[in-house]
Amino acid sequence: MKALTWKPILSNLTEANGELRNLLWRLHYLVFRELPEDCPERADASYVAWYARQEERHPFAEGSLFVSLEHAYHHLNWAWNCRHTPEERVWRFTDKDADRWTKFPDTADFADLWPLDRTVKVTKDDFGLIGSGKKISLFPLRPEIQQAQRKLNTLCCFVEKECFGEEEVVPPKGMPADVWQQPLTEKEFARRMFRIYDRLNTAWNCRKGRTYPKGDRALQQCRCFSPAFATGCHNMWRTRRTNGPE
């Protein structure tokens, strides 16, 4: 079994985890008008006031969600795609490396999450398919992001264990000892990444509705990575691009 490049993987997973955590704090504020208990600045009135000003000036909308998820996807994709590359080369990546590693994984482990329609339709807007000011529903968006962040936080702990040793890392709360003591194989890494992608994809695809889709095909489409993420700062899908509205 080929060894994985754990430290660059951890660096990227940690970056994605931070993005999702910040997104969750913002979503929590939008629902409850206060910050969650795990936010260090929760009791700081000036920080809460800053959140209020931000929402007045730049209300949370589809474009806000797109930017946050694009950043998280970018680092998740990078973490998986660079896994077999020597560490020194990862830190000294080329433009070609960056373009390849920021793509959504194309290995068979993630085939069930590939878009059913791989055609990407773009407009003159920088966000392509994304209307930056369009309002979105916070349900079921927030629970899906919450699940993804929890799963990603657990994966970060497992990767930290591979980097620094079991004795240096506190296991996730409630983690069974027999599971925690197992090495993180590439197969298990893929399985945990799949579950994170699954939740993030569902969050994005459910952003416009207050209920989950019904029917097998609709549910499958809801779980798939959206080709919309080929239209932002990064082209995250290997596909032929076409012009015209969605």
Protein backbone atom coordinates (compact mmCIF):
# COMPACT_ATOMS: atom_id res chain seq x y z
CA MET A 1 0.00 0.00 0.00
CA LYS A 2 1.41 3.36 -1.06
CA ALA A 3 2.00 5.78 1.83
CA LEU A 4 -0.08 8.95 1.83
CA THR A 5 1.29 12.47 2.21
CA TRP A 6 -0.40 13.18 5.52
CA LYS A 7 0.91 16.63 6.48
CA PRO A 8 -0.24 18.44 3.30
CA ILE A 9 -3.51 16.52 3.58
CA LEU A 10 -3.94 17.75 7.16
CA SER A 11 -3.11 21.33 6.18
CA ASN A 12 -5.84 21.37 3.55
CA LEU A 13 -8.43 19.56 5.66
CA THR A 14 -7.81 22.02 8.49
CA GLU A 15 -8.35 24.97 6.14
CA ALA A 16 -11.63 23.47 4.88
CA ASN A 17 -12.70 22.72 8.45
CA GLY A 18 -12.11 26.33 9.47
CA GLU A 19 -14.18 27.58 6.54
CA LEU A 20 -17.11 25.34 7.42
CA ARG A 21 -16.89 26.28 11.10
CA ASN A 22 -17.05 29.99 10.24
CA LEU A 23 -19.96 29.32 7.89
CA LEU A 24 -21.80 27.48 10.66
CA TRP A 25 -21.27 30.37 13.06
CA ARG A 26 -22.79 32.73 10.52
CA LEU A 27 -25.76 30.44 9.87
CA HIS A 28 -26.31 30.05 13.61
CA TYR A 29 -26.34 33.83 13.99
CA LEU A 30 -28.88 34.20 11.18
CA VAL A 31 -31.24 31.76 12.90
CA PHE A 32 -30.81 32.74 16.55
CA ARG A 33 -29.24 36.25 16.38
CA GLU A 34 -26.47 35.07 18.68
CA LEU A 35 -23.24 33.14 18.23
CA PRO A 36 -22.99 29.43 19.13
CA GLU A 37 -21.36 28.18 22.32
CA ASP A 38 -18.26 26.91 20.49
CA CYS A 39 -17.48 30.40 19.15
CA PRO A 40 -14.70 31.95 21.32
CA GLU A 41 -16.09 35.46 20.79
CA ARG A 42 -19.66 34.51 21.76
CA ALA A 43 -19.66 36.72 24.88
CA ASP A 44 -17.91 39.65 23.17
CA ALA A 45 -20.62 42.24 22.47
CA SER A 46 -18.45 44.08 19.95
CA TYR A 47 -17.93 40.90 17.93
CA VAL A 48 -21.66 40.15 17.90
CA ALA A 49 -22.29 43.75 16.80
CA TRP A 50 -19.78 43.23 13.98
CA TYR A 51 -21.82 40.23 12.79
CA ALA A 52 -24.95 42.40 12.80
CA ARG A 53 -23.24 45.12 10.73
CA GLN A 54 -21.96 42.54 8.26
CA GLU A 55 -25.46 41.18 7.72
CA GLU A 56 -26.80 44.70 7.16
CA ARG A 57 -24.12 45.54 4.61
CA HIS A 58 -23.74 42.15 2.95
CA PRO A 59 -26.77 39.94 3.69
CA PHE A 60 -26.15 36.21 3.46
CA ALA A 61 -27.33 34.98 0.06
CA GLU A 62 -26.56 32.41 -2.63
CA GLY A 63 -23.29 34.11 -3.58
CA SER A 64 -22.10 34.06 0.05
CA LEU A 65 -22.75 30.34 0.30
CA PHE A 66 -21.06 29.71 -3.05
CA VAL A 67 -17.86 31.48 -1.98
CA SER A 68 -17.69 29.59 1.34
CA LEU A 69 -18.33 26.18 -0.19
CA GLU A 70 -15.97 26.85 -3.08
CA HIS A 71 -13.17 27.53 -0.60
CA ALA A 72 -14.00 24.38 1.38
CA TYR A 73 -14.28 22.21 -1.76
CA HIS A 74 -10.98 23.62 -3.05
CA HIS A 75 -9.09 22.38 0.02
CA LEU A 76 -10.98 19.07 0.27
CA ASN A 77 -10.22 18.35 -3.39
CA TRP A 78 -6.58 19.30 -2.91
CA ALA A 79 -6.27 17.08 0.17
CA TRP A 80 -7.49 14.04 -1.75
CA ASN A 81 -5.78 14.68 -5.09
CA CYS A 82 -2.30 15.36 -3.64
CA ARG A 83 -2.37 12.30 -1.38
CA HIS A 84 0.28 10.31 -3.34
CA THR A 85 2.55 13.26 -4.15
CA PRO A 86 5.81 13.67 -2.20
CA GLU A 87 5.44 16.31 0.50
CA GLU A 88 8.20 18.59 -0.84
CA ARG A 89 6.51 18.77 -4.24
CA VAL A 90 3.12 19.54 -2.68
CA TRP A 91 4.57 22.56 -0.88
CA ARG A 92 6.26 23.68 -4.13
CA PHE A 93 3.30 23.04 -6.41
CA THR A 94 3.13 24.34 -9.97
CA ASP A 95 0.18 25.99 -11.69
CA LYS A 96 -0.46 22.69 -13.45
CA ASP A 97 -0.52 20.88 -10.10
CA ALA A 98 -2.93 23.44 -8.67
CA ASP A 99 -5.29 23.14 -11.61
CA ARG A 100 -5.31 19.34 -11.34
CA TRP A 101 -5.56 19.10 -7.55
CA THR A 102 -8.42 21.58 -7.16
CA LYS A 103 -10.70 19.38 -9.31
CA PHE A 104 -13.42 17.28 -7.69
CA PRO A 105 -12.05 13.71 -7.27
CA ASP A 106 -12.49 11.52 -10.34
CA THR A 107 -11.53 8.22 -8.69
CA ALA A 108 -14.14 5.47 -8.49
CA ASP A 109 -14.50 6.04 -4.72
CA PHE A 110 -16.60 9.12 -5.52
CA ALA A 111 -18.43 7.94 -8.65
CA ASP A 112 -21.82 8.03 -6.90
CA LEU A 113 -21.33 11.77 -6.36
CA TRP A 114 -20.42 12.72 -9.93
CA PRO A 115 -22.95 15.04 -11.63
CA LEU A 116 -25.54 13.19 -13.68
CA ASP A 117 -25.30 16.00 -16.26
CA ARG A 118 -21.67 17.03 -16.71
CA THR A 119 -22.39 19.90 -19.10
CA VAL A 120 -21.42 23.26 -17.58
CA LYS A 121 -23.38 26.23 -18.89
CA VAL A 122 -21.83 29.64 -18.22
CA THR A 123 -23.01 33.23 -18.45
CA LYS A 124 -21.18 36.54 -18.49
CA ASP A 125 -21.51 36.77 -14.71
CA ASP A 126 -18.28 35.99 -12.83
CA PHE A 127 -20.25 33.46 -10.77
CA GLY A 128 -21.64 31.78 -13.88
CA LEU A 129 -24.76 29.99 -12.73
CA ILE A 130 -24.79 31.68 -9.34
CA GLY A 131 -26.95 34.70 -8.57
CA SER A 132 -24.94 36.39 -5.84
CA GLY A 133 -27.93 38.19 -4.29
CA LYS A 134 -30.51 35.41 -4.46
CA LYS A 135 -32.02 34.48 -1.12
CA ILE A 136 -31.73 30.90 0.08
CA SER A 137 -33.44 28.74 2.68
CA LEU A 138 -31.54 28.05 5.89
CA PHE A 139 -33.35 24.73 6.25
CA PRO A 140 -32.18 22.08 5.41
CA LEU A 141 -28.93 23.94 4.62
CA ARG A 142 -27.72 24.45 8.18
CA PRO A 143 -28.11 20.83 9.42
CA GLU A 144 -26.27 19.51 6.35
CA ILE A 145 -23.35 21.92 6.84
CA GLN A 146 -23.31 20.99 10.51
CA GLN A 147 -23.04 17.28 9.72
CA ALA A 148 -20.31 17.89 7.15
CA GLN A 149 -18.26 19.96 9.60
CA ARG A 150 -18.56 17.35 12.34
CA LYS A 151 -17.43 14.60 10.01
CA LEU A 152 -14.57 16.74 8.74
CA ASN A 153 -13.47 17.59 12.27
CA THR A 154 -13.35 13.87 13.07
CA LEU A 155 -11.33 13.17 9.93
CA CYS A 156 -8.86 15.91 10.90
CA CYS A 157 -8.30 14.11 14.22
CA PHE A 158 -7.56 10.83 12.42
CA VAL A 159 -5.11 12.54 10.06
CA GLU A 160 -3.43 14.30 13.01
CA LYS A 161 -2.96 10.85 14.56
CA GLU A 162 -1.24 9.66 11.38
CA CYS A 163 1.01 12.74 11.43
CA PHE A 164 1.96 12.94 15.09
CA GLY A 165 1.07 9.64 16.74
CA GLU A 166 -1.87 8.45 18.81
CA GLU A 167 -0.41 9.67 22.10
CA GLU A 168 -0.27 13.28 20.83
CA VAL A 169 -3.90 13.60 19.70
CA VAL A 170 -7.12 13.71 21.71
CA PRO A 171 -9.70 11.42 20.07
CA PRO A 172 -13.07 12.85 19.06
CA LYS A 173 -15.67 12.78 21.81
CA GLY A 174 -17.54 9.49 21.87
CA MET A 175 -15.12 7.76 19.51
CA PRO A 176 -14.91 4.00 20.29
CA ALA A 177 -11.38 2.98 21.27
CA ASP A 178 -11.23 0.11 18.77
CA VAL A 179 -12.11 2.49 15.91
CA TRP A 180 -9.68 5.17 17.03
CA GLN A 181 -6.78 2.74 17.26
CA GLN A 182 -7.15 1.56 13.66
CA PRO A 183 -4.74 3.08 11.09
CA LEU A 184 -6.28 5.46 8.57
CA THR A 185 -5.99 3.55 5.31
CA GLU A 186 -6.60 5.13 1.91
CA LYS A 187 -9.88 3.21 1.66
CA GLU A 188 -11.06 4.59 5.01
CA PHE A 189 -9.84 8.07 4.08
CA ALA A 190 -11.95 7.88 0.90
CA ARG A 191 -14.99 6.64 2.82
CA ARG A 192 -14.85 9.52 5.28
CA MET A 193 -14.24 12.06 2.52
CA PHE A 194 -17.24 10.67 0.62
CA ARG A 195 -19.51 11.31 3.60
CA ILE A 196 -18.28 14.91 3.89
CA TYR A 197 -18.79 15.59 0.19
CA ASP A 198 -22.22 13.94 0.35
CA ARG A 199 -23.41 16.35 3.03
CA LEU A 200 -21.91 19.44 1.38
CA ASN A 201 -23.38 18.54 -2.00
CA THR A 202 -26.79 18.06 -0.41
CA ALA A 203 -26.49 21.39 1.38
CA TRP A 204 -25.80 23.24 -1.86
CA ASN A 205 -28.43 21.41 -3.89
CA CYS A 206 -31.13 22.00 -1.22
CA ARG A 207 -30.35 25.70 -0.80
CA LYS A 208 -33.50 26.91 -2.58
CA GLY A 209 -36.10 24.73 -0.86
CA ARG A 210 -37.47 24.08 2.59
CA THR A 211 -37.90 20.33 2.06
CA TYR A 212 -35.79 17.47 0.76
CA PRO A 213 -36.46 16.23 -2.79
CA LYS A 214 -38.57 13.12 -3.30
CA GLY A 215 -37.93 10.20 -5.63
CA ASP A 216 -34.79 8.15 -6.25
CA ARG A 217 -33.47 10.29 -9.13
CA ALA A 218 -34.12 13.56 -7.30
CA LEU A 219 -32.35 12.26 -4.20
CA GLN A 220 -29.38 11.10 -6.29
CA GLN A 221 -29.14 14.48 -7.99
CA CYS A 222 -29.26 16.16 -4.60
CA ARG A 223 -26.18 14.20 -3.47
CA CYS A 224 -24.12 14.99 -6.56
CA PHE A 225 -21.35 17.55 -6.80
CA SER A 226 -22.72 20.55 -8.68
CA PRO A 227 -21.10 21.55 -12.01
CA ALA A 228 -21.80 25.12 -10.87
CA PHE A 229 -18.42 24.91 -9.11
CA ALA A 230 -16.72 24.93 -12.49
CA THR A 231 -17.81 28.57 -12.85
CA GLY A 232 -16.20 30.39 -9.92
CA CYS A 233 -12.57 31.15 -9.11
CA HIS A 234 -11.67 27.52 -9.89
CA ASN A 235 -12.92 25.11 -12.51
CA MET A 236 -13.54 22.10 -10.27
CA TRP A 237 -14.93 19.81 -12.94
CA ARG A 238 -13.26 18.09 -15.89
CA THR A 239 -15.82 18.77 -18.58
CA ARG A 240 -16.61 20.60 -21.79
CA ARG A 241 -17.97 24.08 -21.09
CA THR A 242 -20.83 25.49 -23.17
CA ASN A 243 -22.27 28.99 -23.41
CA GLY A 244 -25.81 29.94 -22.60
CA PRO A 245 -28.17 30.22 -19.62
CA GLU A 246 -29.06 27.32 -17.35
